[in-house]
Amino acid sequence: MSRTRFHRHHRHRKTLSELLQGEHATILGFLGRCPVNKRLASIGFTPGAVVGMARNFGSGPLIISVRGTNVALGRGEAAKIIVDTSADEK
């Protein structure tokens, strides 16, 4: 599925790397199958977990709050995590 089509049909869905500082979202899953996904799951990035963007300066690593812990992620890793922001708008 192309990224453009994905975004056009699901306006509340985006990648974790696209969250703005202070935004919260629920993890839906991962793009693709890669070994990084297992590592992300082992540190708490699992479907259904609520995450918050603690720090996103537009470049460099992101600081993500997940399960009560702040975790630094590279933008490439965060771009593989699909989240739903609809709960944050309520």
C-alpha atoms as a PDB file:
ATOM      1  CA  MET A   1       0.000   0.000   0.000  1.00  0.00           C
ATOM      2  CA  SER A   2       1.458   3.333  -0.943  1.00  0.00           C
ATOM      3  CA  ARG A   3       2.008   5.909   1.738  1.00  0.00           C
ATOM      4  CA  THR A   4      -0.127   8.490  -0.115  1.00  0.00           C
ATOM      5  CA  ARG A   5      -3.101   6.147  -0.406  1.00  0.00           C
ATOM      6  CA  PHE A   6      -2.726   5.164   3.242  1.00  0.00           C
ATOM      7  CA  HIS A   7      -2.922   8.792   4.409  1.00  0.00           C
ATOM      8  CA  ARG A   8      -5.694   9.831   2.060  1.00  0.00           C
ATOM      9  CA  HIS A   9      -8.119   7.220   3.386  1.00  0.00           C
ATOM     10  CA  HIS A  10      -7.238   7.385   7.073  1.00  0.00           C
ATOM     11  CA  ARG A  11      -6.828  10.971   8.221  1.00  0.00           C
ATOM     12  CA  HIS A  12      -6.208   9.976  11.854  1.00  0.00           C
ATOM     13  CA  ARG A  13      -3.496   7.480  10.935  1.00  0.00           C
ATOM     14  CA  LYS A  14       0.107   8.497  10.514  1.00  0.00           C
ATOM     15  CA  THR A  15       3.565   7.309  11.367  1.00  0.00           C
ATOM     16  CA  LEU A  16       5.000   7.945  14.803  1.00  0.00           C
ATOM     17  CA  SER A  17       7.673  10.188  13.273  1.00  0.00           C
ATOM     18  CA  GLU A  18       4.916  12.547  12.046  1.00  0.00           C
ATOM     19  CA  LEU A  19       3.511  13.314  15.516  1.00  0.00           C
ATOM     20  CA  LEU A  20       4.062  16.836  16.787  1.00  0.00           C
ATOM     21  CA  GLN A  21       5.495  17.542  20.202  1.00  0.00           C
ATOM     22  CA  GLY A  22       2.752  17.099  22.817  1.00  0.00           C
ATOM     23  CA  GLU A  23       0.562  14.878  20.598  1.00  0.00           C
ATOM     24  CA  HIS A  24      -0.603  11.454  21.789  1.00  0.00           C
ATOM     25  CA  ALA A  25      -1.632   8.435  19.745  1.00  0.00           C
ATOM     26  CA  THR A  26      -2.343   4.714  19.943  1.00  0.00           C
ATOM     27  CA  ILE A  27      -0.042   2.265  18.193  1.00  0.00           C
ATOM     28  CA  LEU A  28      -1.797   0.286  15.455  1.00  0.00           C
ATOM     29  CA  GLY A  29       1.109  -1.734  14.089  1.00  0.00           C
ATOM     30  CA  PHE A  30       4.307  -1.686  12.049  1.00  0.00           C
ATOM     31  CA  LEU A  31       5.119  -1.128   8.393  1.00  0.00           C
ATOM     32  CA  GLY A  32       6.893  -4.076   6.833  1.00  0.00           C
ATOM     33  CA  ARG A  33       8.593  -6.981   8.504  1.00  0.00           C
ATOM     34  CA  CYS A  34      12.009  -6.285   9.891  1.00  0.00           C
ATOM     35  CA  PRO A  35      14.096  -7.253  12.930  1.00  0.00           C
ATOM     36  CA  VAL A  36      13.693  -3.741  14.350  1.00  0.00           C
ATOM     37  CA  ASN A  37       9.988  -4.422  14.924  1.00  0.00           C
ATOM     38  CA  LYS A  38      10.796  -7.166  17.461  1.00  0.00           C
ATOM     39  CA  ARG A  39      13.122  -4.826  19.334  1.00  0.00           C
ATOM     40  CA  LEU A  40      10.492  -2.080  19.359  1.00  0.00           C
ATOM     41  CA  ALA A  41       7.889  -4.516  20.709  1.00  0.00           C
ATOM     42  CA  SER A  42      10.287  -5.681  23.423  1.00  0.00           C
ATOM     43  CA  ILE A  43      10.625  -2.129  24.766  1.00  0.00           C
ATOM     44  CA  GLY A  44       6.867  -1.485  24.867  1.00  0.00           C
ATOM     45  CA  PHE A  45       5.910  -0.358  21.355  1.00  0.00           C
ATOM     46  CA  THR A  46       3.051  -2.810  20.880  1.00  0.00           C
ATOM     47  CA  PRO A  47      -0.365  -2.419  19.229  1.00  0.00           C
ATOM     48  CA  GLY A  48      -2.768  -0.711  21.632  1.00  0.00           C
ATOM     49  CA  ALA A  49      -0.065   1.101  23.612  1.00  0.00           C
ATOM     50  CA  VAL A  50      -0.573   4.845  24.004  1.00  0.00           C
ATOM     51  CA  VAL A  51       2.448   6.941  23.087  1.00  0.00           C
ATOM     52  CA  GLY A  52       3.210  10.622  23.455  1.00  0.00           C
ATOM     53  CA  MET A  53       5.681  12.759  21.545  1.00  0.00           C
ATOM     54  CA  ALA A  54       7.846  14.272  24.269  1.00  0.00           C
ATOM     55  CA  ARG A  55      10.373  15.871  21.916  1.00  0.00           C
ATOM     56  CA  ASN A  56      10.391  16.419  18.146  1.00  0.00           C
ATOM     57  CA  PHE A  57      12.644  19.232  16.980  1.00  0.00           C
ATOM     58  CA  GLY A  58      12.300  18.384  13.276  1.00  0.00           C
ATOM     59  CA  SER A  59      15.693  16.681  13.036  1.00  0.00           C
ATOM     60  CA  GLY A  60      17.659  14.237  15.133  1.00  0.00           C
ATOM     61  CA  PRO A  61      16.212  11.568  17.423  1.00  0.00           C
ATOM     62  CA  LEU A  62      12.686  11.672  18.813  1.00  0.00           C
ATOM     63  CA  ILE A  63      11.856  11.259  22.495  1.00  0.00           C
ATOM     64  CA  ILE A  64       8.723   9.145  22.843  1.00  0.00           C
ATOM     65  CA  SER A  65       6.801   8.471  26.042  1.00  0.00           C
ATOM     66  CA  VAL A  66       5.554   4.870  26.118  1.00  0.00           C
ATOM     67  CA  ARG A  67       4.288   2.909  29.135  1.00  0.00           C
ATOM     68  CA  GLY A  68       5.638   5.508  31.578  1.00  0.00           C
ATOM     69  CA  THR A  69       9.140   5.621  30.108  1.00  0.00           C
ATOM     70  CA  ASN A  70      10.823   8.085  27.743  1.00  0.00           C
ATOM     71  CA  VAL A  71      12.577   6.333  24.864  1.00  0.00           C
ATOM     72  CA  ALA A  72      14.833   7.884  22.205  1.00  0.00           C
ATOM     73  CA  LEU A  73      14.085   6.596  18.707  1.00  0.00           C
ATOM     74  CA  GLY A  74      15.656   7.379  15.379  1.00  0.00           C
ATOM     75  CA  ARG A  75      13.358   8.869  12.782  1.00  0.00           C
ATOM     76  CA  GLY A  76      13.727   5.775  10.582  1.00  0.00           C
ATOM     77  CA  GLU A  77      12.514   3.504  13.370  1.00  0.00           C
ATOM     78  CA  ALA A  78       9.623   5.840  14.233  1.00  0.00           C
ATOM     79  CA  ALA A  79       8.593   5.983  10.560  1.00  0.00           C
ATOM     80  CA  LYS A  80       7.854   2.228  10.701  1.00  0.00           C
ATOM     81  CA  ILE A  81       5.283   2.566  13.514  1.00  0.00           C
ATOM     82  CA  ILE A  82       1.693   3.337  12.473  1.00  0.00           C
ATOM     83  CA  VAL A  83      -0.410   5.232  15.019  1.00  0.00           C
ATOM     84  CA  ASP A  84      -3.965   6.519  15.336  1.00  0.00           C
ATOM     85  CA  THR A  85      -4.380  10.074  16.630  1.00  0.00           C
ATOM     86  CA  SER A  86      -8.205  10.105  16.803  1.00  0.00           C
ATOM     87  CA  ALA A  87      -8.281   9.626  20.605  1.00  0.00           C
ATOM     88  CA  ASP A  88      -6.077  12.731  21.041  1.00  0.00           C
ATOM     89  CA  GLU A  89      -8.733  14.924  19.340  1.00  0.00           C
ATOM     90  CA  LYS A  90     -11.555  14.057  21.755  1.00  0.00           C
END
